[in-house]
Each structure stands twice: as C-alpha cells, then as structure tokens.
N, C-alpha and C. Protein backbone atom coordinates (compact mmCIF):
# COMPACT_ATOMS: atom_id res chain seq x y z
N MET A 1 0.84 -1.19 0.00
CA MET A 1 0.00 0.00 0.00
C MET A 1 0.88 1.25 0.00
N ARG A 2 0.57 2.17 -0.88
CA ARG A 2 1.35 3.40 -1.00
C ARG A 2 0.96 4.39 0.10
N GLU A 3 1.95 4.92 0.77
CA GLU A 3 1.71 5.90 1.83
C GLU A 3 1.33 7.23 1.19
N LYS A 4 0.32 7.89 1.76
CA LYS A 4 -0.11 9.18 1.24
C LYS A 4 0.83 10.27 1.74
N LYS A 5 1.13 11.20 0.86
CA LYS A 5 2.01 12.31 1.19
C LYS A 5 1.20 13.60 1.16
N ILE A 6 1.19 14.32 2.28
CA ILE A 6 0.43 15.57 2.33
C ILE A 6 1.02 16.62 1.40
N ASP A 7 2.31 16.55 1.14
CA ASP A 7 2.94 17.52 0.25
C ASP A 7 2.40 17.43 -1.18
N GLU A 8 1.87 16.25 -1.53
CA GLU A 8 1.34 16.04 -2.87
C GLU A 8 -0.18 16.22 -2.93
N ALA A 9 -0.80 16.46 -1.80
CA ALA A 9 -2.26 16.50 -1.72
C ALA A 9 -2.79 17.94 -1.73
N ARG A 10 -4.01 18.06 -2.24
CA ARG A 10 -4.70 19.34 -2.22
C ARG A 10 -6.13 19.09 -1.77
N PHE A 11 -6.53 19.74 -0.69
CA PHE A 11 -7.87 19.54 -0.14
C PHE A 11 -8.95 19.86 -1.18
N CYS A 12 -8.72 20.89 -2.00
CA CYS A 12 -9.74 21.30 -2.97
C CYS A 12 -10.01 20.23 -4.03
N ASP A 13 -9.17 19.22 -4.12
CA ASP A 13 -9.36 18.14 -5.08
C ASP A 13 -10.14 16.96 -4.51
N THR A 14 -10.56 17.04 -3.26
CA THR A 14 -11.24 15.91 -2.62
C THR A 14 -12.75 15.98 -2.80
N GLY A 15 -13.38 14.84 -2.71
CA GLY A 15 -14.84 14.78 -2.74
C GLY A 15 -15.45 15.50 -1.55
N TYR A 16 -14.76 15.43 -0.42
CA TYR A 16 -15.22 16.11 0.79
C TYR A 16 -15.30 17.62 0.54
N SER A 17 -14.28 18.17 -0.08
CA SER A 17 -14.26 19.60 -0.39
C SER A 17 -15.41 19.97 -1.31
N TYR A 18 -15.65 19.16 -2.32
CA TYR A 18 -16.74 19.44 -3.26
C TYR A 18 -18.09 19.42 -2.55
N THR A 19 -18.32 18.40 -1.73
CA THR A 19 -19.58 18.31 -1.00
C THR A 19 -19.78 19.51 -0.10
N LEU A 20 -18.74 19.88 0.64
CA LEU A 20 -18.84 21.06 1.51
C LEU A 20 -19.12 22.32 0.71
N SER A 21 -18.55 22.44 -0.48
CA SER A 21 -18.77 23.64 -1.29
C SER A 21 -20.25 23.79 -1.65
N LEU A 22 -20.98 22.69 -1.71
CA LEU A 22 -22.40 22.73 -2.05
C LEU A 22 -23.30 22.94 -0.84
N ILE A 23 -22.91 22.41 0.32
CA ILE A 23 -23.83 22.43 1.47
C ILE A 23 -23.33 23.23 2.66
N ALA A 24 -22.16 23.83 2.56
CA ALA A 24 -21.60 24.55 3.70
C ALA A 24 -22.34 25.87 3.92
N GLY A 25 -22.26 26.34 5.14
CA GLY A 25 -22.87 27.60 5.49
C GLY A 25 -23.83 27.41 6.65
N LYS A 26 -24.35 28.50 7.10
CA LYS A 26 -25.23 28.47 8.27
C LYS A 26 -26.60 27.89 7.94
N TYR A 27 -27.11 28.15 6.73
CA TYR A 27 -28.49 27.79 6.42
C TYR A 27 -28.67 26.63 5.45
N LYS A 28 -27.73 26.39 4.55
CA LYS A 28 -27.93 25.36 3.54
C LYS A 28 -28.21 23.97 4.13
N PRO A 29 -27.43 23.52 5.11
CA PRO A 29 -27.74 22.19 5.66
C PRO A 29 -29.12 22.15 6.31
N VAL A 30 -29.53 23.25 6.92
CA VAL A 30 -30.83 23.30 7.58
C VAL A 30 -31.95 23.31 6.54
N ILE A 31 -31.75 24.03 5.45
CA ILE A 31 -32.73 24.04 4.36
C ILE A 31 -32.89 22.62 3.81
N LEU A 32 -31.78 21.96 3.56
CA LEU A 32 -31.84 20.59 3.03
C LEU A 32 -32.53 19.65 4.02
N TYR A 33 -32.21 19.80 5.30
CA TYR A 33 -32.84 18.98 6.33
C TYR A 33 -34.35 19.23 6.36
N CYS A 34 -34.74 20.49 6.31
CA CYS A 34 -36.15 20.86 6.31
C CYS A 34 -36.88 20.21 5.14
N LEU A 35 -36.29 20.30 3.96
CA LEU A 35 -36.92 19.72 2.78
C LEU A 35 -36.94 18.20 2.85
N MET A 36 -35.92 17.62 3.46
CA MET A 36 -35.87 16.18 3.63
C MET A 36 -37.04 15.72 4.51
N GLU A 37 -37.38 16.51 5.52
CA GLU A 37 -38.42 16.13 6.48
C GLU A 37 -39.82 16.55 6.06
N TYR A 38 -39.96 17.70 5.38
CA TYR A 38 -41.29 18.30 5.21
C TYR A 38 -41.67 18.68 3.79
N GLU A 39 -40.91 18.30 2.77
CA GLU A 39 -41.18 18.82 1.43
C GLU A 39 -42.58 18.48 0.94
N PRO A 40 -43.18 19.32 0.09
CA PRO A 40 -42.67 20.61 -0.36
C PRO A 40 -42.88 21.69 0.71
N VAL A 41 -42.05 22.72 0.63
CA VAL A 41 -42.09 23.79 1.63
C VAL A 41 -42.13 25.14 0.91
N ARG A 42 -42.98 26.01 1.41
CA ARG A 42 -43.06 27.37 0.85
C ARG A 42 -42.05 28.27 1.55
N PHE A 43 -41.74 29.40 0.90
CA PHE A 43 -40.71 30.32 1.39
C PHE A 43 -41.00 30.75 2.83
N ASN A 44 -42.21 31.19 3.12
CA ASN A 44 -42.55 31.67 4.47
C ASN A 44 -42.47 30.56 5.51
N GLN A 45 -42.85 29.35 5.12
CA GLN A 45 -42.74 28.21 6.04
C GLN A 45 -41.27 27.96 6.36
N MET A 46 -40.43 28.02 5.34
CA MET A 46 -38.99 27.82 5.52
C MET A 46 -38.43 28.89 6.44
N GLN A 47 -38.85 30.11 6.25
CA GLN A 47 -38.35 31.23 7.06
C GLN A 47 -38.74 31.04 8.53
N ARG A 48 -39.96 30.61 8.78
CA ARG A 48 -40.39 30.35 10.17
C ARG A 48 -39.60 29.19 10.77
N TYR A 49 -39.35 28.17 9.97
CA TYR A 49 -38.61 27.00 10.44
C TYR A 49 -37.18 27.38 10.84
N LEU A 50 -36.54 28.23 10.02
CA LEU A 50 -35.15 28.62 10.27
C LEU A 50 -35.01 29.62 11.41
N GLY A 51 -36.07 30.35 11.71
CA GLY A 51 -35.97 31.35 12.76
C GLY A 51 -35.55 32.69 12.18
N LYS A 52 -34.63 33.34 12.84
CA LYS A 52 -34.23 34.68 12.42
C LYS A 52 -33.28 34.63 11.23
N VAL A 53 -33.88 34.70 10.05
CA VAL A 53 -33.09 34.75 8.82
C VAL A 53 -33.72 35.81 7.93
N ALA A 54 -32.90 36.67 7.35
CA ALA A 54 -33.38 37.73 6.48
C ALA A 54 -33.90 37.15 5.17
N ASP A 55 -34.90 37.79 4.60
CA ASP A 55 -35.45 37.37 3.31
C ASP A 55 -34.35 37.21 2.26
N LYS A 56 -33.47 38.20 2.20
CA LYS A 56 -32.40 38.19 1.20
C LYS A 56 -31.46 37.00 1.40
N THR A 57 -31.12 36.70 2.64
CA THR A 57 -30.22 35.59 2.95
C THR A 57 -30.85 34.26 2.56
N LEU A 58 -32.12 34.07 2.95
CA LEU A 58 -32.80 32.82 2.62
C LEU A 58 -32.94 32.70 1.11
N SER A 59 -33.33 33.77 0.46
CA SER A 59 -33.49 33.75 -0.99
C SER A 59 -32.18 33.40 -1.69
N GLN A 60 -31.09 33.97 -1.23
CA GLN A 60 -29.78 33.70 -1.83
C GLN A 60 -29.39 32.23 -1.65
N ASN A 61 -29.59 31.70 -0.45
CA ASN A 61 -29.26 30.29 -0.20
C ASN A 61 -30.12 29.36 -1.04
N LEU A 62 -31.40 29.66 -1.18
CA LEU A 62 -32.29 28.84 -2.00
C LEU A 62 -31.85 28.89 -3.47
N LYS A 63 -31.48 30.07 -3.96
CA LYS A 63 -31.03 30.20 -5.35
C LYS A 63 -29.76 29.40 -5.59
N GLU A 64 -28.83 29.42 -4.63
CA GLU A 64 -27.58 28.67 -4.78
C GLU A 64 -27.84 27.17 -4.77
N LEU A 65 -28.71 26.71 -3.90
CA LEU A 65 -29.04 25.28 -3.86
C LEU A 65 -29.75 24.85 -5.14
N GLU A 66 -30.59 25.74 -5.67
CA GLU A 66 -31.27 25.44 -6.94
C GLU A 66 -30.25 25.42 -8.09
N ARG A 67 -29.35 26.40 -8.12
CA ARG A 67 -28.31 26.47 -9.15
C ARG A 67 -27.45 25.21 -9.15
N ASP A 68 -27.17 24.68 -7.95
CA ASP A 68 -26.33 23.50 -7.82
C ASP A 68 -27.11 22.20 -8.03
N GLY A 69 -28.39 22.31 -8.34
CA GLY A 69 -29.19 21.13 -8.67
C GLY A 69 -29.64 20.31 -7.48
N LEU A 70 -29.61 20.89 -6.28
CA LEU A 70 -30.00 20.14 -5.08
C LEU A 70 -31.46 20.32 -4.72
N ILE A 71 -32.05 21.45 -5.09
CA ILE A 71 -33.47 21.68 -4.83
C ILE A 71 -34.13 22.19 -6.11
N SER A 72 -35.44 22.06 -6.14
CA SER A 72 -36.20 22.61 -7.27
C SER A 72 -37.21 23.62 -6.73
N ARG A 73 -37.53 24.56 -7.56
CA ARG A 73 -38.46 25.63 -7.23
C ARG A 73 -39.62 25.54 -8.21
N LYS A 74 -40.83 25.42 -7.67
CA LYS A 74 -42.01 25.33 -8.52
C LYS A 74 -42.92 26.52 -8.21
N MET A 75 -43.19 27.30 -9.24
CA MET A 75 -44.05 28.47 -9.08
C MET A 75 -45.41 28.17 -9.70
N TYR A 76 -46.46 28.45 -8.94
CA TYR A 76 -47.82 28.22 -9.40
C TYR A 76 -48.41 29.54 -9.88
N PRO A 77 -49.12 29.53 -11.00
CA PRO A 77 -49.70 30.76 -11.55
C PRO A 77 -50.96 31.17 -10.80
N GLU A 78 -50.78 31.67 -9.60
CA GLU A 78 -51.88 32.08 -8.75
C GLU A 78 -51.64 33.52 -8.30
N VAL A 79 -52.68 34.13 -7.77
CA VAL A 79 -52.54 35.46 -7.17
C VAL A 79 -52.98 35.35 -5.73
N PRO A 80 -52.10 35.60 -4.76
CA PRO A 80 -50.68 35.90 -4.94
C PRO A 80 -49.92 34.63 -5.37
N PRO A 81 -48.75 34.83 -5.98
CA PRO A 81 -47.98 33.68 -6.47
C PRO A 81 -47.60 32.73 -5.33
N ARG A 82 -47.67 31.45 -5.61
CA ARG A 82 -47.26 30.44 -4.64
C ARG A 82 -46.03 29.73 -5.19
N VAL A 83 -45.00 29.65 -4.37
CA VAL A 83 -43.75 28.99 -4.75
C VAL A 83 -43.44 27.91 -3.73
N GLU A 84 -43.12 26.73 -4.21
CA GLU A 84 -42.76 25.62 -3.32
C GLU A 84 -41.38 25.09 -3.70
N TYR A 85 -40.67 24.66 -2.67
CA TYR A 85 -39.33 24.10 -2.85
C TYR A 85 -39.34 22.64 -2.44
N SER A 86 -38.59 21.84 -3.16
CA SER A 86 -38.44 20.43 -2.81
C SER A 86 -37.06 19.96 -3.26
N LEU A 87 -36.67 18.80 -2.76
CA LEU A 87 -35.38 18.22 -3.15
C LEU A 87 -35.46 17.65 -4.55
N THR A 88 -34.40 17.80 -5.30
CA THR A 88 -34.27 17.13 -6.58
C THR A 88 -33.77 15.71 -6.31
N GLU A 89 -33.64 14.93 -7.35
CA GLU A 89 -33.06 13.59 -7.20
C GLU A 89 -31.64 13.70 -6.66
N ARG A 90 -30.90 14.67 -7.18
CA ARG A 90 -29.52 14.89 -6.72
C ARG A 90 -29.52 15.30 -5.24
N GLY A 91 -30.43 16.19 -4.85
CA GLY A 91 -30.53 16.61 -3.46
C GLY A 91 -30.94 15.46 -2.56
N SER A 92 -31.85 14.62 -3.06
CA SER A 92 -32.29 13.46 -2.27
C SER A 92 -31.16 12.48 -2.02
N SER A 93 -30.18 12.47 -2.92
CA SER A 93 -29.04 11.56 -2.73
C SER A 93 -28.19 11.96 -1.53
N LEU A 94 -28.39 13.18 -1.02
CA LEU A 94 -27.68 13.63 0.19
C LEU A 94 -28.38 13.20 1.48
N VAL A 95 -29.57 12.66 1.37
CA VAL A 95 -30.35 12.28 2.55
C VAL A 95 -29.57 11.32 3.45
N GLN A 96 -28.89 10.36 2.86
CA GLN A 96 -28.10 9.41 3.67
C GLN A 96 -27.03 10.13 4.47
N VAL A 97 -26.39 11.12 3.85
CA VAL A 97 -25.35 11.90 4.54
C VAL A 97 -25.97 12.69 5.68
N LEU A 98 -27.09 13.36 5.40
CA LEU A 98 -27.77 14.15 6.43
C LEU A 98 -28.28 13.27 7.56
N ASP A 99 -28.79 12.09 7.20
CA ASP A 99 -29.24 11.14 8.24
C ASP A 99 -28.10 10.74 9.16
N LYS A 100 -26.92 10.51 8.58
CA LYS A 100 -25.76 10.15 9.40
C LYS A 100 -25.38 11.29 10.35
N LEU A 101 -25.46 12.53 9.88
CA LEU A 101 -25.19 13.67 10.76
C LEU A 101 -26.20 13.71 11.90
N CYS A 102 -27.46 13.45 11.58
CA CYS A 102 -28.50 13.41 12.62
C CYS A 102 -28.22 12.31 13.63
N ASP A 103 -27.88 11.12 13.13
CA ASP A 103 -27.59 9.99 14.02
C ASP A 103 -26.43 10.33 14.95
N TRP A 104 -25.37 10.91 14.38
CA TRP A 104 -24.21 11.26 15.20
C TRP A 104 -24.60 12.27 16.26
N GLY A 105 -25.37 13.27 15.88
CA GLY A 105 -25.80 14.29 16.84
C GLY A 105 -26.64 13.72 17.96
N LEU A 106 -27.55 12.81 17.63
CA LEU A 106 -28.38 12.19 18.67
C LEU A 106 -27.54 11.34 19.62
N GLU A 107 -26.56 10.65 19.06
CA GLU A 107 -25.71 9.77 19.86
C GLU A 107 -24.76 10.56 20.77
N HIS A 108 -24.29 11.70 20.31
CA HIS A 108 -23.27 12.43 21.05
C HIS A 108 -23.77 13.72 21.70
N ARG A 109 -25.05 13.98 21.60
CA ARG A 109 -25.62 15.19 22.21
C ARG A 109 -25.42 15.16 23.71
N GLN A 110 -25.03 16.28 24.23
CA GLN A 110 -24.85 16.41 25.67
C GLN A 110 -25.89 17.40 26.18
N ASP A 111 -27.00 16.88 26.66
CA ASP A 111 -28.07 17.73 27.19
C ASP A 111 -27.70 18.18 28.58
N GLY A 112 -27.48 19.47 28.69
CA GLY A 112 -27.22 20.01 30.02
C GLY A 112 -25.83 20.21 30.25
C-alpha cells in the first residue's frame, strides 16, 4: 500500500471539499434537512422553520441550492404567487449523509 504524502495533496481536489462547497454555510444544511423532512415547503414556512433569517439571505441560499441542482423551485400561476421548494433527485441523494449527521448528533448530544 502506498503511503499518502500531504505535500502532494490538495484539499480542494477531494470529494469532501466538493460536497462542503455545495452544502456549507449556516443555512444550507438546515434548508436541506427541512426539505428532507417536510417537502414541499413554501418560502414563508422555511423562514419560520429557520428562525431569524433575512429574506435576502434565505433567498440567496435557495437560489444557490437550486443552481447546484440540489433543490427545485415550482411556481404556481396564482394570485398571490405560490412557490414551493423540494429536493431534486440529486438533493435526495444527500439524505443518507444528512441522516448520518442526525444519528451522530443524537448519539453524542450532551443535554445540560
């Protein structure tokens, strides 16, 4: 077995780095978790779920997740307009990863 050399390695070339680039941040993992548990979700429902988050911040995070193919946005031709968000197939493939994070948190949570 060949020993790995850190001098030859670059973190940005790892799968871990790529995954983090898509889901890192204060709100993206929570948005994905919310959609995993409750989809479809409307913007205002998401905002209430997240707590204190500015409209602009939530909107930007949703746009980035949509751009990266992890969530989809469906707009209904109603007055007032209704928009719902849900996981794409690509986003759903992260559910196992998110579930593992939940399991770890439940196992290692220190209440009190």
